[in-house]
Amino acid sequence: MPVSWRITEDFVRLESSGSVAFAEWKAALDAALASPDYRPGMGVLHDQRQLRDAPATEEGKSRAAYVVARGISRWAVLVATDVQYGMARLGDAHAAGTATEIQAFRDAAEAEAWARGGG
């Protein structure tokens, strides 16, 4: 499965691998947010270190817009490449002025702490 998800007591973790279409990513996010274990206000950590390619610019903007539309307050993006990092920063810029904050991370522990609501 290209996108999997699980909910811990503090945050949602999405993991993407290979090539992931927008519809697959959206379906996984929607399923996680519909889970009875999800609580509004939980942060999300999207681990995309295993993605074959970063999303194209327009798709990255669409993903950021969808995260904002779903009312997610903290979206941590765990990346492995400079291109993925740049796309996550573009998402952060797209979310500017909204209640959603998107941050790019290269370190898994930092991403998880931030998604949980830490600094």
PDB file of N, CA and C in Angstrom:
ATOM      1  N   MET A   1       0.848  -1.182   0.000  1.00  0.00           N
ATOM      2  CA  MET A   1       0.000   0.000   0.000  1.00  0.00           C
ATOM      3  C   MET A   1       0.889   1.239   0.000  1.00  0.00           C
ATOM      4  N   PRO A   2       0.667   2.165  -0.920  1.00  0.00           N
ATOM      5  CA  PRO A   2       1.532   3.337  -1.001  1.00  0.00           C
ATOM      6  C   PRO A   2       1.389   4.322   0.158  1.00  0.00           C
ATOM      7  N   VAL A   3       0.222   4.376   0.805  1.00  0.00           N
ATOM      8  CA  VAL A   3       0.034   5.261   1.956  1.00  0.00           C
ATOM      9  C   VAL A   3      -0.638   4.458   3.066  1.00  0.00           C
ATOM     10  N   SER A   4       0.010   4.432   4.211  1.00  0.00           N
ATOM     11  CA  SER A   4      -0.592   3.774   5.369  1.00  0.00           C
ATOM     12  C   SER A   4      -0.712   4.817   6.479  1.00  0.00           C
ATOM     13  N   TRP A   5      -1.526   4.510   7.463  1.00  0.00           N
ATOM     14  CA  TRP A   5      -1.706   5.436   8.578  1.00  0.00           C
ATOM     15  C   TRP A   5      -1.953   4.667   9.855  1.00  0.00           C
ATOM     16  N   ARG A   6      -1.647   5.331  10.956  1.00  0.00           N
ATOM     17  CA  ARG A   6      -1.971   4.810  12.284  1.00  0.00           C
ATOM     18  C   ARG A   6      -2.069   6.002  13.226  1.00  0.00           C
ATOM     19  N   ILE A   7      -2.824   5.803  14.272  1.00  0.00           N
ATOM     20  CA  ILE A   7      -3.006   6.863  15.255  1.00  0.00           C
ATOM     21  C   ILE A   7      -2.416   6.392  16.575  1.00  0.00           C
ATOM     22  N   THR A   8      -1.534   7.208  17.136  1.00  0.00           N
ATOM     23  CA  THR A   8      -1.017   6.951  18.470  1.00  0.00           C
ATOM     24  C   THR A   8      -1.903   7.739  19.427  1.00  0.00           C
ATOM     25  N   GLU A   9      -1.538   7.771  20.661  1.00  0.00           N
ATOM     26  CA  GLU A   9      -2.358   8.528  21.616  1.00  0.00           C
ATOM     27  C   GLU A   9      -2.252  10.033  21.399  1.00  0.00           C
ATOM     28  N   ASP A  10      -1.211  10.480  20.687  1.00  0.00           N
ATOM     29  CA  ASP A  10      -0.970  11.916  20.571  1.00  0.00           C
ATOM     30  C   ASP A  10      -1.040  12.498  19.160  1.00  0.00           C
ATOM     31  N   PHE A  11      -0.896  11.684  18.129  1.00  0.00           N
ATOM     32  CA  PHE A  11      -0.850  12.229  16.774  1.00  0.00           C
ATOM     33  C   PHE A  11      -1.162  11.145  15.744  1.00  0.00           C
ATOM     34  N   VAL A  12      -1.369  11.605  14.514  1.00  0.00           N
ATOM     35  CA  VAL A  12      -1.618  10.717  13.378  1.00  0.00           C
ATOM     36  C   VAL A  12      -0.321  10.583  12.607  1.00  0.00           C
ATOM     37  N   ARG A  13       0.002   9.366  12.199  1.00  0.00           N
ATOM     38  CA  ARG A  13       1.204   9.133  11.404  1.00  0.00           C
ATOM     39  C   ARG A  13       0.791   8.558  10.061  1.00  0.00           C
ATOM     40  N   LEU A  14       1.105   9.281   8.987  1.00  0.00           N
ATOM     41  CA  LEU A  14       0.929   8.792   7.619  1.00  0.00           C
ATOM     42  C   LEU A  14       2.303   8.411   7.102  1.00  0.00           C
ATOM     43  N   GLU A  15       2.386   7.314   6.371  1.00  0.00           N
ATOM     44  CA  GLU A  15       3.643   6.917   5.747  1.00  0.00           C
ATOM     45  C   GLU A  15       3.377   6.638   4.284  1.00  0.00           C
ATOM     46  N   SER A  16       4.158   7.290   3.422  1.00  0.00           N
ATOM     47  CA  SER A  16       4.023   7.123   1.981  1.00  0.00           C
ATOM     48  C   SER A  16       5.270   6.452   1.434  1.00  0.00           C
ATOM     49  N   SER A  17       5.072   5.598   0.435  1.00  0.00           N
ATOM     50  CA  SER A  17       6.215   4.944  -0.201  1.00  0.00           C
ATOM     51  C   SER A  17       5.929   4.754  -1.679  1.00  0.00           C
ATOM     52  N   GLY A  18       7.002   4.633  -2.447  1.00  0.00           N
ATOM     53  CA  GLY A  18       6.857   4.448  -3.887  1.00  0.00           C
ATOM     54  C   GLY A  18       6.302   5.705  -4.530  1.00  0.00           C
ATOM     55  N   SER A  19       5.354   5.517  -5.416  1.00  0.00           N
ATOM     56  CA  SER A  19       4.661   6.630  -6.070  1.00  0.00           C
ATOM     57  C   SER A  19       3.256   6.720  -5.500  1.00  0.00           C
ATOM     58  N   VAL A  20       2.858   7.898  -5.092  1.00  0.00           N
ATOM     59  CA  VAL A  20       1.558   8.089  -4.458  1.00  0.00           C
ATOM     60  C   VAL A  20       0.776   9.156  -5.205  1.00  0.00           C
ATOM     61  N   ALA A  21      -0.381   8.775  -5.701  1.00  0.00           N
ATOM     62  CA  ALA A  21      -1.279   9.730  -6.359  1.00  0.00           C
ATOM     63  C   ALA A  21      -2.016  10.539  -5.296  1.00  0.00           C
ATOM     64  N   PHE A  22      -2.455  11.732  -5.685  1.00  0.00           N
ATOM     65  CA  PHE A  22      -3.190  12.596  -4.766  1.00  0.00           C
ATOM     66  C   PHE A  22      -4.393  11.860  -4.172  1.00  0.00           C
ATOM     67  N   ALA A  23      -5.123  11.128  -4.993  1.00  0.00           N
ATOM     68  CA  ALA A  23      -6.328  10.429  -4.521  1.00  0.00           C
ATOM     69  C   ALA A  23      -5.981   9.390  -3.450  1.00  0.00           C
ATOM     70  N   GLU A  24      -4.865   8.703  -3.589  1.00  0.00           N
ATOM     71  CA  GLU A  24      -4.452   7.709  -2.585  1.00  0.00           C
ATOM     72  C   GLU A  24      -4.088   8.395  -1.270  1.00  0.00           C
ATOM     73  N   TRP A  25      -3.340   9.486  -1.378  1.00  0.00           N
ATOM     74  CA  TRP A  25      -2.942  10.230  -0.194  1.00  0.00           C
ATOM     75  C   TRP A  25      -4.176  10.787   0.524  1.00  0.00           C
ATOM     76  N   LYS A  26      -5.094  11.377  -0.241  1.00  0.00           N
ATOM     77  CA  LYS A  26      -6.318  11.951   0.315  1.00  0.00           C
ATOM     78  C   LYS A  26      -7.171  10.874   0.987  1.00  0.00           C
ATOM     79  N   ALA A  27      -7.301   9.705   0.353  1.00  0.00           N
ATOM     80  CA  ALA A  27      -8.108   8.618   0.924  1.00  0.00           C
ATOM     81  C   ALA A  27      -7.530   8.153   2.259  1.00  0.00           C
ATOM     82  N   ALA A  28      -6.214   8.047   2.341  1.00  0.00           N
ATOM     83  CA  ALA A  28      -5.590   7.629   3.600  1.00  0.00           C
ATOM     84  C   ALA A  28      -5.800   8.677   4.684  1.00  0.00           C
ATOM     85  N   LEU A  29      -5.613   9.944   4.335  1.00  0.00           N
ATOM     86  CA  LEU A  29      -5.825  11.019   5.315  1.00  0.00           C
ATOM     87  C   LEU A  29      -7.274  11.043   5.772  1.00  0.00           C
ATOM     88  N   ASP A  30      -8.207  10.948   4.843  1.00  0.00           N
ATOM     89  CA  ASP A  30      -9.630  10.948   5.203  1.00  0.00           C
ATOM     90  C   ASP A  30      -9.972   9.775   6.118  1.00  0.00           C
ATOM     91  N   ALA A  31      -9.405   8.601   5.839  1.00  0.00           N
ATOM     92  CA  ALA A  31      -9.659   7.426   6.682  1.00  0.00           C
ATOM     93  C   ALA A  31      -9.123   7.646   8.094  1.00  0.00           C
ATOM     94  N   ALA A  32      -7.938   8.213   8.202  1.00  0.00           N
ATOM     95  CA  ALA A  32      -7.365   8.477   9.525  1.00  0.00           C
ATOM     96  C   ALA A  32      -8.225   9.460  10.312  1.00  0.00           C
ATOM     97  N   LEU A  33      -8.655  10.531   9.636  1.00  0.00           N
ATOM     98  CA  LEU A  33      -9.449  11.550  10.328  1.00  0.00           C
ATOM     99  C   LEU A  33     -10.858  11.061  10.670  1.00  0.00           C
ATOM    100  N   ALA A  34     -11.322  10.018   9.982  1.00  0.00           N
ATOM    101  CA  ALA A  34     -12.636   9.440  10.267  1.00  0.00           C
ATOM    102  C   ALA A  34     -12.562   8.362  11.346  1.00  0.00           C
ATOM    103  N   SER A  35     -11.367   7.965  11.721  1.00  0.00           N
ATOM    104  CA  SER A  35     -11.194   6.912  12.723  1.00  0.00           C
ATOM    105  C   SER A  35     -11.752   7.353  14.073  1.00  0.00           C
ATOM    106  N   PRO A  36     -12.350   6.423  14.815  1.00  0.00           N
ATOM    107  CA  PRO A  36     -12.829   6.785  16.154  1.00  0.00           C
ATOM    108  C   PRO A  36     -11.679   7.131  17.116  1.00  0.00           C
ATOM    109  N   ASP A  37     -10.447   6.766  16.751  1.00  0.00           N
ATOM    110  CA  ASP A  37      -9.287   7.090  17.588  1.00  0.00           C
ATOM    111  C   ASP A  37      -8.768   8.505  17.349  1.00  0.00           C
ATOM    112  N   TYR A  38      -9.226   9.133  16.272  1.00  0.00           N
ATOM    113  CA  TYR A  38      -8.786  10.492  15.969  1.00  0.00           C
ATOM    114  C   TYR A  38      -9.543  11.485  16.847  1.00  0.00           C
ATOM    115  N   ARG A  39      -8.786  12.445  17.379  1.00  0.00           N
ATOM    116  CA  ARG A  39      -9.383  13.534  18.148  1.00  0.00           C
ATOM    117  C   ARG A  39      -9.037  14.856  17.458  1.00  0.00           C
ATOM    118  N   PRO A  40     -10.025  15.714  17.238  1.00  0.00           N
ATOM    119  CA  PRO A  40      -9.725  17.013  16.623  1.00  0.00           C
ATOM    120  C   PRO A  40      -8.609  17.727  17.381  1.00  0.00           C
ATOM    121  N   GLY A  41      -7.738  18.335  16.633  1.00  0.00           N
ATOM    122  CA  GLY A  41      -6.598  19.027  17.230  1.00  0.00           C
ATOM    123  C   GLY A  41      -5.320  18.209  17.226  1.00  0.00           C
ATOM    124  N   MET A  42      -5.425  16.909  16.926  1.00  0.00           N
ATOM    125  CA  MET A  42      -4.217  16.092  16.850  1.00  0.00           C
ATOM    126  C   MET A  42      -3.346  16.576  15.700  1.00  0.00           C
ATOM    127  N   GLY A  43      -2.040  16.544  15.913  1.00  0.00           N
ATOM    128  CA  GLY A  43      -1.111  16.837  14.832  1.00  0.00           C
ATOM    129  C   GLY A  43      -0.965  15.621  13.928  1.00  0.00           C
ATOM    130  N   VAL A  44      -0.405  15.861  12.762  1.00  0.00           N
ATOM    131  CA  VAL A  44      -0.167  14.795  11.791  1.00  0.00           C
ATOM    132  C   VAL A  44       1.304  14.818  11.408  1.00  0.00           C
ATOM    133  N   LEU A  45       1.909  13.649  11.384  1.00  0.00           N
ATOM    134  CA  LEU A  45       3.263  13.502  10.878  1.00  0.00           C
ATOM    135  C   LEU A  45       3.168  12.703   9.583  1.00  0.00           C
ATOM    136  N   HIS A  46       3.604  13.299   8.482  1.00  0.00           N
ATOM    137  CA  HIS A  46       3.610  12.596   7.192  1.00  0.00           C
ATOM    138  C   HIS A  46       5.045  12.226   6.865  1.00  0.00           C
ATOM    139  N   ASP A  47       5.351  10.940   6.989  1.00  0.00           N
ATOM    140  CA  ASP A  47       6.688  10.421   6.684  1.00  0.00           C
ATOM    141  C   ASP A  47       6.730  10.092   5.204  1.00  0.00           C
ATOM    142  N   GLN A  48       7.452  10.902   4.459  1.00  0.00           N
ATOM    143  CA  GLN A  48       7.537  10.661   3.021  1.00  0.00           C
ATOM    144  C   GLN A  48       8.962  10.341   2.591  1.00  0.00           C
ATOM    145  N   ARG A  49       9.749   9.821   3.518  1.00  0.00           N
ATOM    146  CA  ARG A  49      11.143   9.489   3.198  1.00  0.00           C
ATOM    147  C   ARG A  49      11.267   8.362   2.175  1.00  0.00           C
ATOM    148  N   GLN A  50      10.230   7.524   2.061  1.00  0.00           N
ATOM    149  CA  GLN A  50      10.283   6.398   1.124  1.00  0.00           C
ATOM    150  C   GLN A  50       9.609   6.686  -0.215  1.00  0.00           C
ATOM    151  N   LEU A  51       9.185   7.931  -0.413  1.00  0.00           N
ATOM    152  CA  LEU A  51       8.587   8.292  -1.699  1.00  0.00           C
ATOM    153  C   LEU A  51       9.648   8.241  -2.791  1.00  0.00           C
ATOM    154  N   ARG A  52       9.252   7.775  -3.937  1.00  0.00           N
ATOM    155  CA  ARG A  52      10.167   7.744  -5.075  1.00  0.00           C
ATOM    156  C   ARG A  52      10.446   9.159  -5.564  1.00  0.00           C
ATOM    157  N   ASP A  53       9.407   9.988  -5.649  1.00  0.00           N
ATOM    158  CA  ASP A  53       9.538  11.363  -6.128  1.00  0.00           C
ATOM    159  C   ASP A  53       8.697  12.276  -5.247  1.00  0.00           C
ATOM    160  N   ALA A  54       9.141  13.514  -5.134  1.00  0.00           N
ATOM    161  CA  ALA A  54       8.320  14.511  -4.438  1.00  0.00           C
ATOM    162  C   ALA A  54       7.148  14.874  -5.347  1.00  0.00           C
ATOM    163  N   PRO A  55       6.022  15.268  -4.768  1.00  0.00           N
ATOM    164  CA  PRO A  55       4.897  15.701  -5.600  1.00  0.00           C
ATOM    165  C   PRO A  55       5.288  16.903  -6.452  1.00  0.00           C
ATOM    166  N   ALA A  56       4.654  17.035  -7.604  1.00  0.00           N
ATOM    167  CA  ALA A  56       4.853  18.212  -8.439  1.00  0.00           C
ATOM    168  C   ALA A  56       4.335  19.442  -7.692  1.00  0.00           C
ATOM    169  N   THR A  57       4.768  20.613  -8.105  1.00  0.00           N
ATOM    170  CA  THR A  57       4.410  21.855  -7.416  1.00  0.00           C
ATOM    171  C   THR A  57       2.903  22.025  -7.260  1.00  0.00           C
ATOM    172  N   GLU A  58       2.148  21.844  -8.312  1.00  0.00           N
ATOM    173  CA  GLU A  58       0.691  22.022  -8.233  1.00  0.00           C
ATOM    174  C   GLU A  58       0.052  21.009  -7.291  1.00  0.00           C
ATOM    175  N   GLU A  59       0.545  19.770  -7.327  1.00  0.00           N
ATOM    176  CA  GLU A  59       0.001  18.769  -6.409  1.00  0.00           C
ATOM    177  C   GLU A  59       0.378  19.101  -4.970  1.00  0.00           C
ATOM    178  N   GLY A  60       1.590  19.593  -4.765  1.00  0.00           N
ATOM    179  CA  GLY A  60       2.001  20.007  -3.423  1.00  0.00           C
ATOM    180  C   GLY A  60       1.099  21.099  -2.880  1.00  0.00           C
ATOM    181  N   LYS A  61       0.751  22.056  -3.736  1.00  0.00           N
ATOM    182  CA  LYS A  61      -0.174  23.120  -3.331  1.00  0.00           C
ATOM    183  C   LYS A  61      -1.553  22.550  -3.022  1.00  0.00           C
ATOM    184  N   SER A  62      -1.993  21.594  -3.816  1.00  0.00           N
ATOM    185  CA  SER A  62      -3.306  20.970  -3.581  1.00  0.00           C
ATOM    186  C   SER A  62      -3.322  20.214  -2.265  1.00  0.00           C
ATOM    187  N   ARG A  63      -2.229  19.529  -1.965  1.00  0.00           N
ATOM    188  CA  ARG A  63      -2.151  18.810  -0.691  1.00  0.00           C
ATOM    189  C   ARG A  63      -2.187  19.787   0.478  1.00  0.00           C
ATOM    190  N   ALA A  64      -1.413  20.861   0.383  1.00  0.00           N
ATOM    191  CA  ALA A  64      -1.413  21.860   1.456  1.00  0.00           C
ATOM    192  C   ALA A  64      -2.802  22.464   1.627  1.00  0.00           C
ATOM    193  N   ALA A  65      -3.458  22.768   0.521  1.00  0.00           N
ATOM    194  CA  ALA A  65      -4.810  23.332   0.591  1.00  0.00           C
ATOM    195  C   ALA A  65      -5.773  22.348   1.245  1.00  0.00           C
ATOM    196  N   TYR A  66      -5.613  21.059   0.969  1.00  0.00           N
ATOM    197  CA  TYR A  66      -6.499  20.068   1.560  1.00  0.00           C
ATOM    198  C   TYR A  66      -6.250  19.937   3.066  1.00  0.00           C
ATOM    199  N   VAL A  67      -4.995  19.999   3.468  1.00  0.00           N
ATOM    200  CA  VAL A  67      -4.657  19.954   4.898  1.00  0.00           C
ATOM    201  C   VAL A  67      -5.303  21.141   5.610  1.00  0.00           C
ATOM    202  N   VAL A  68      -5.212  22.311   5.006  1.00  0.00           N
ATOM    203  CA  VAL A  68      -5.835  23.505   5.576  1.00  0.00           C
ATOM    204  C   VAL A  68      -7.354  23.326   5.628  1.00  0.00           C
ATOM    205  N   ALA A  69      -7.942  22.848   4.532  1.00  0.00           N
ATOM    206  CA  ALA A  69      -9.404  22.676   4.462  1.00  0.00           C
ATOM    207  C   ALA A  69      -9.906  21.684   5.506  1.00  0.00           C
ATOM    208  N   ARG A  70      -9.094  20.690   5.833  1.00  0.00           N
ATOM    209  CA  ARG A  70      -9.499  19.702   6.844  1.00  0.00           C
ATOM    210  C   ARG A  70      -9.297  20.211   8.268  1.00  0.00           C
ATOM    211  N   GLY A  71      -8.721  21.393   8.417  1.00  0.00           N
ATOM    212  CA  GLY A  71      -8.583  22.004   9.740  1.00  0.00           C
ATOM    213  C   GLY A  71      -7.484  21.410  10.601  1.00  0.00           C
ATOM    214  N   ILE A  72      -6.494  20.824   9.977  1.00  0.00           N
ATOM    215  CA  ILE A  72      -5.375  20.251  10.737  1.00  0.00           C
ATOM    216  C   ILE A  72      -4.473  21.396  11.190  1.00  0.00           C
ATOM    217  N   SER A  73      -4.162  21.437  12.474  1.00  0.00           N
ATOM    218  CA  SER A  73      -3.394  22.569  12.991  1.00  0.00           C
ATOM    219  C   SER A  73      -1.885  22.381  12.826  1.00  0.00           C
ATOM    220  N   ARG A  74      -1.397  21.153  12.975  1.00  0.00           N
ATOM    221  CA  ARG A  74       0.044  20.879  12.865  1.00  0.00           C
ATOM    222  C   ARG A  74       0.269  19.736  11.890  1.00  0.00           C
ATOM    223  N   TRP A  75       1.031  20.007  10.832  1.00  0.00           N
ATOM    224  CA  TRP A  75       1.343  18.995   9.816  1.00  0.00           C
ATOM    225  C   TRP A  75       2.862  18.947   9.690  1.00  0.00           C
ATOM    226  N   ALA A  76       3.461  17.905  10.248  1.00  0.00           N
ATOM    227  CA  ALA A  76       4.908  17.711  10.163  1.00  0.00           C
ATOM    228  C   ALA A  76       5.211  16.839   8.953  1.00  0.00           C
ATOM    229  N   VAL A  77       6.168  17.260   8.140  1.00  0.00           N
ATOM    230  CA  VAL A  77       6.561  16.500   6.964  1.00  0.00           C
ATOM    231  C   VAL A  77       7.987  16.010   7.189  1.00  0.00           C
ATOM    232  N   LEU A  78       8.152  14.702   7.257  1.00  0.00           N
ATOM    233  CA  LEU A  78       9.463  14.097   7.455  1.00  0.00           C
ATOM    234  C   LEU A  78      10.019  13.720   6.086  1.00  0.00           C
ATOM    235  N   VAL A  79      11.152  14.302   5.730  1.00  0.00           N
ATOM    236  CA  VAL A  79      11.683  14.176   4.374  1.00  0.00           C
ATOM    237  C   VAL A  79      13.077  13.564   4.364  1.00  0.00           C
ATOM    238  N   ALA A  80      13.465  13.095   3.168  1.00  0.00           N
ATOM    239  CA  ALA A  80      14.794  12.527   2.979  1.00  0.00           C
ATOM    240  C   ALA A  80      15.625  13.310   1.977  1.00  0.00           C
ATOM    241  N   THR A  81      14.968  14.119   1.140  1.00  0.00           N
ATOM    242  CA  THR A  81      15.701  14.814   0.078  1.00  0.00           C
ATOM    243  C   THR A  81      15.467  16.315   0.147  1.00  0.00           C
ATOM    244  N   ASP A  82      16.345  17.045  -0.517  1.00  0.00           N
ATOM    245  CA  ASP A  82      16.201  18.495  -0.578  1.00  0.00           C
ATOM    246  C   ASP A  82      14.938  18.898  -1.337  1.00  0.00           C
ATOM    247  N   VAL A  83      14.589  18.140  -2.373  1.00  0.00           N
ATOM    248  CA  VAL A  83      13.380  18.448  -3.142  1.00  0.00           C
ATOM    249  C   VAL A  83      12.142  18.283  -2.258  1.00  0.00           C
ATOM    250  N   GLN A  84      12.075  17.198  -1.492  1.00  0.00           N
ATOM    251  CA  GLN A  84      10.948  16.997  -0.576  1.00  0.00           C
ATOM    252  C   GLN A  84      10.903  18.122   0.459  1.00  0.00           C
ATOM    253  N   TYR A  85      12.061  18.511   0.963  1.00  0.00           N
ATOM    254  CA  TYR A  85      12.127  19.591   1.939  1.00  0.00           C
ATOM    255  C   TYR A  85      11.569  20.883   1.338  1.00  0.00           C
ATOM    256  N   GLY A  86      11.985  21.182   0.127  1.00  0.00           N
ATOM    257  CA  GLY A  86      11.504  22.388  -0.548  1.00  0.00           C
ATOM    258  C   GLY A  86      10.003  22.365  -0.774  1.00  0.00           C
ATOM    259  N   MET A  87       9.466  21.202  -1.139  1.00  0.00           N
ATOM    260  CA  MET A  87       8.021  21.088  -1.347  1.00  0.00           C
ATOM    261  C   MET A  87       7.270  21.304  -0.035  1.00  0.00           C
ATOM    262  N   ALA A  88       7.817  20.784   1.056  1.00  0.00           N
ATOM    263  CA  ALA A  88       7.178  20.981   2.359  1.00  0.00           C
ATOM    264  C   ALA A  88       7.205  22.452   2.749  1.00  0.00           C
ATOM    265  N   ARG A  89       8.294  23.137   2.450  1.00  0.00           N
ATOM    266  CA  ARG A  89       8.378  24.575   2.736  1.00  0.00           C
ATOM    267  C   ARG A  89       7.370  25.350   1.879  1.00  0.00           C
ATOM    268  N   LEU A  90       7.168  24.898   0.644  1.00  0.00           N
ATOM    269  CA  LEU A  90       6.160  25.516  -0.213  1.00  0.00           C
ATOM    270  C   LEU A  90       4.774  25.335   0.414  1.00  0.00           C
ATOM    271  N   GLY A  91       4.515  24.140   0.967  1.00  0.00           N
ATOM    272  CA  GLY A  91       3.246  23.902   1.654  1.00  0.00           C
ATOM    273  C   GLY A  91       3.070  24.833   2.837  1.00  0.00           C
ATOM    274  N   ASP A  92       4.149  25.060   3.574  1.00  0.00           N
ATOM    275  CA  ASP A  92       4.103  25.972   4.713  1.00  0.00           C
ATOM    276  C   ASP A  92       3.755  27.384   4.247  1.00  0.00           C
ATOM    277  N   ALA A  93       4.361  27.810   3.153  1.00  0.00           N
ATOM    278  CA  ALA A  93       4.067  29.138   2.610  1.00  0.00           C
ATOM    279  C   ALA A  93       2.607  29.225   2.153  1.00  0.00           C
ATOM    280  N   HIS A  94       2.115  28.155   1.568  1.00  0.00           N
ATOM    281  CA  HIS A  94       0.730  28.138   1.098  1.00  0.00           C
ATOM    282  C   HIS A  94      -0.263  28.219   2.272  1.00  0.00           C
ATOM    283  N   ALA A  95       0.131  27.663   3.416  1.00  0.00           N
ATOM    284  CA  ALA A  95      -0.751  27.664   4.588  1.00  0.00           C
ATOM    285  C   ALA A  95      -0.629  28.939   5.423  1.00  0.00           C
ATOM    286  N   ALA A  96       0.296  29.797   5.066  1.00  0.00           N
ATOM    287  CA  ALA A  96       0.497  31.042   5.827  1.00  0.00           C
ATOM    288  C   ALA A  96      -0.810  31.825   5.921  1.00  0.00           C
ATOM    289  N   GLY A  97      -1.063  32.358   7.098  1.00  0.00           N
ATOM    290  CA  GLY A  97      -2.275  33.142   7.309  1.00  0.00           C
ATOM    291  C   GLY A  97      -3.489  32.301   7.648  1.00  0.00           C
ATOM    292  N   THR A  98      -3.295  30.996   7.806  1.00  0.00           N
ATOM    293  CA  THR A  98      -4.387  30.103   8.195  1.00  0.00           C
ATOM    294  C   THR A  98      -4.092  29.550   9.588  1.00  0.00           C
ATOM    295  N   ALA A  99      -4.979  28.740  10.095  1.00  0.00           N
ATOM    296  CA  ALA A  99      -4.774  28.101  11.400  1.00  0.00           C
ATOM    297  C   ALA A  99      -3.896  26.856  11.298  1.00  0.00           C
ATOM    298  N   THR A 100      -3.433  26.544  10.099  1.00  0.00           N
ATOM    299  CA  THR A 100      -2.603  25.358   9.871  1.00  0.00           C
ATOM    300  C   THR A 100      -1.141  25.757   9.770  1.00  0.00           C
ATOM    301  N   GLU A 101      -0.303  25.000  10.465  1.00  0.00           N
ATOM    302  CA  GLU A 101       1.135  25.196  10.385  1.00  0.00           C
ATOM    303  C   GLU A 101       1.741  23.934   9.793  1.00  0.00           C
ATOM    304  N   ILE A 102       2.553  24.097   8.765  1.00  0.00           N
ATOM    305  CA  ILE A 102       3.233  22.972   8.108  1.00  0.00           C
ATOM    306  C   ILE A 102       4.727  23.180   8.302  1.00  0.00           C
ATOM    307  N   GLN A 103       5.402  22.144   8.801  1.00  0.00           N
ATOM    308  CA  GLN A 103       6.842  22.224   9.044  1.00  0.00           C
ATOM    309  C   GLN A 103       7.531  21.040   8.396  1.00  0.00           C
ATOM    310  N   ALA A 104       8.716  21.280   7.830  1.00  0.00           N
ATOM    311  CA  ALA A 104       9.543  20.223   7.242  1.00  0.00           C
ATOM    312  C   ALA A 104      10.604  19.802   8.251  1.00  0.00           C
ATOM    313  N   PHE A 105      10.864  18.503   8.312  1.00  0.00           N
ATOM    314  CA  PHE A 105      11.864  17.952   9.231  1.00  0.00           C
ATOM    315  C   PHE A 105      12.691  16.893   8.523  1.00  0.00           C
ATOM    316  N   ARG A 106      13.941  16.803   8.920  1.00  0.00           N
ATOM    317  CA  ARG A 106      14.812  15.726   8.453  1.00  0.00           C
ATOM    318  C   ARG A 106      15.042  14.698   9.563  1.00  0.00           C
ATOM    319  N   ASP A 107      14.762  15.087  10.788  1.00  0.00           N
ATOM    320  CA  ASP A 107      14.971  14.227  11.949  1.00  0.00           C
ATOM    321  C   ASP A 107      13.618  13.701  12.443  1.00  0.00           C
ATOM    322  N   ALA A 108      13.491  12.379  12.534  1.00  0.00           N
ATOM    323  CA  ALA A 108      12.217  11.750  12.907  1.00  0.00           C
ATOM    324  C   ALA A 108      11.774  12.132  14.317  1.00  0.00           C
ATOM    325  N   ALA A 109      12.699  12.172  15.266  1.00  0.00           N
ATOM    326  CA  ALA A 109      12.331  12.492  16.649  1.00  0.00           C
ATOM    327  C   ALA A 109      11.817  13.929  16.751  1.00  0.00           C
ATOM    328  N   GLU A 110      12.456  14.854  16.042  1.00  0.00           N
ATOM    329  CA  GLU A 110      11.999  16.240  16.065  1.00  0.00           C
ATOM    330  C   GLU A 110      10.619  16.377  15.426  1.00  0.00           C
ATOM    331  N   ALA A 111      10.413  15.684  14.320  1.00  0.00           N
ATOM    332  CA  ALA A 111       9.110  15.730  13.640  1.00  0.00           C
ATOM    333  C   ALA A 111       8.017  15.188  14.543  1.00  0.00           C
ATOM    334  N   GLU A 112       8.287  14.082  15.198  1.00  0.00           N
ATOM    335  CA  GLU A 112       7.292  13.472  16.082  1.00  0.00           C
ATOM    336  C   GLU A 112       6.984  14.381  17.271  1.00  0.00           C
ATOM    337  N   ALA A 113       8.017  14.950  17.881  1.00  0.00           N
ATOM    338  CA  ALA A 113       7.796  15.842  19.025  1.00  0.00           C
ATOM    339  C   ALA A 113       6.949  17.049  18.613  1.00  0.00           C
ATOM    340  N   TRP A 114       7.245  17.607  17.451  1.00  0.00           N
ATOM    341  CA  TRP A 114       6.499  18.774  16.981  1.00  0.00           C
ATOM    342  C   TRP A 114       5.045  18.391  16.669  1.00  0.00           C
ATOM    343  N   ALA A 115       4.845  17.253  16.031  1.00  0.00           N
ATOM    344  CA  ALA A 115       3.479  16.805  15.710  1.00  0.00           C
ATOM    345  C   ALA A 115       2.672  16.576  16.992  1.00  0.00           C
ATOM    346  N   ARG A 116       3.329  16.139  18.034  1.00  0.00           N
ATOM    347  CA  ARG A 116       2.658  15.919  19.320  1.00  0.00           C
ATOM    348  C   ARG A 116       2.303  17.236  20.006  1.00  0.00           C
ATOM    349  N   GLY A 117       2.843  18.329  19.518  1.00  0.00           N
ATOM    350  CA  GLY A 117       2.535  19.624  20.110  1.00  0.00           C
ATOM    351  C   GLY A 117       3.725  20.249  20.822  1.00  0.00           C
ATOM    352  N   GLY A 118       4.874  19.597  20.743  1.00  0.00           N
ATOM    353  CA  GLY A 118       6.072  20.152  21.367  1.00  0.00           C
ATOM    354  C   GLY A 118       6.731  21.178  20.470  1.00  0.00           C
ATOM    355  N   GLY A 119       7.804  21.771  20.970  1.00  0.00           N
ATOM    356  CA  GLY A 119       8.498  22.832  20.246  1.00  0.00           C
ATOM    357  C   GLY A 119       9.346  22.414  19.109  1.00  0.00           C
TER     358      GLY A 119
END
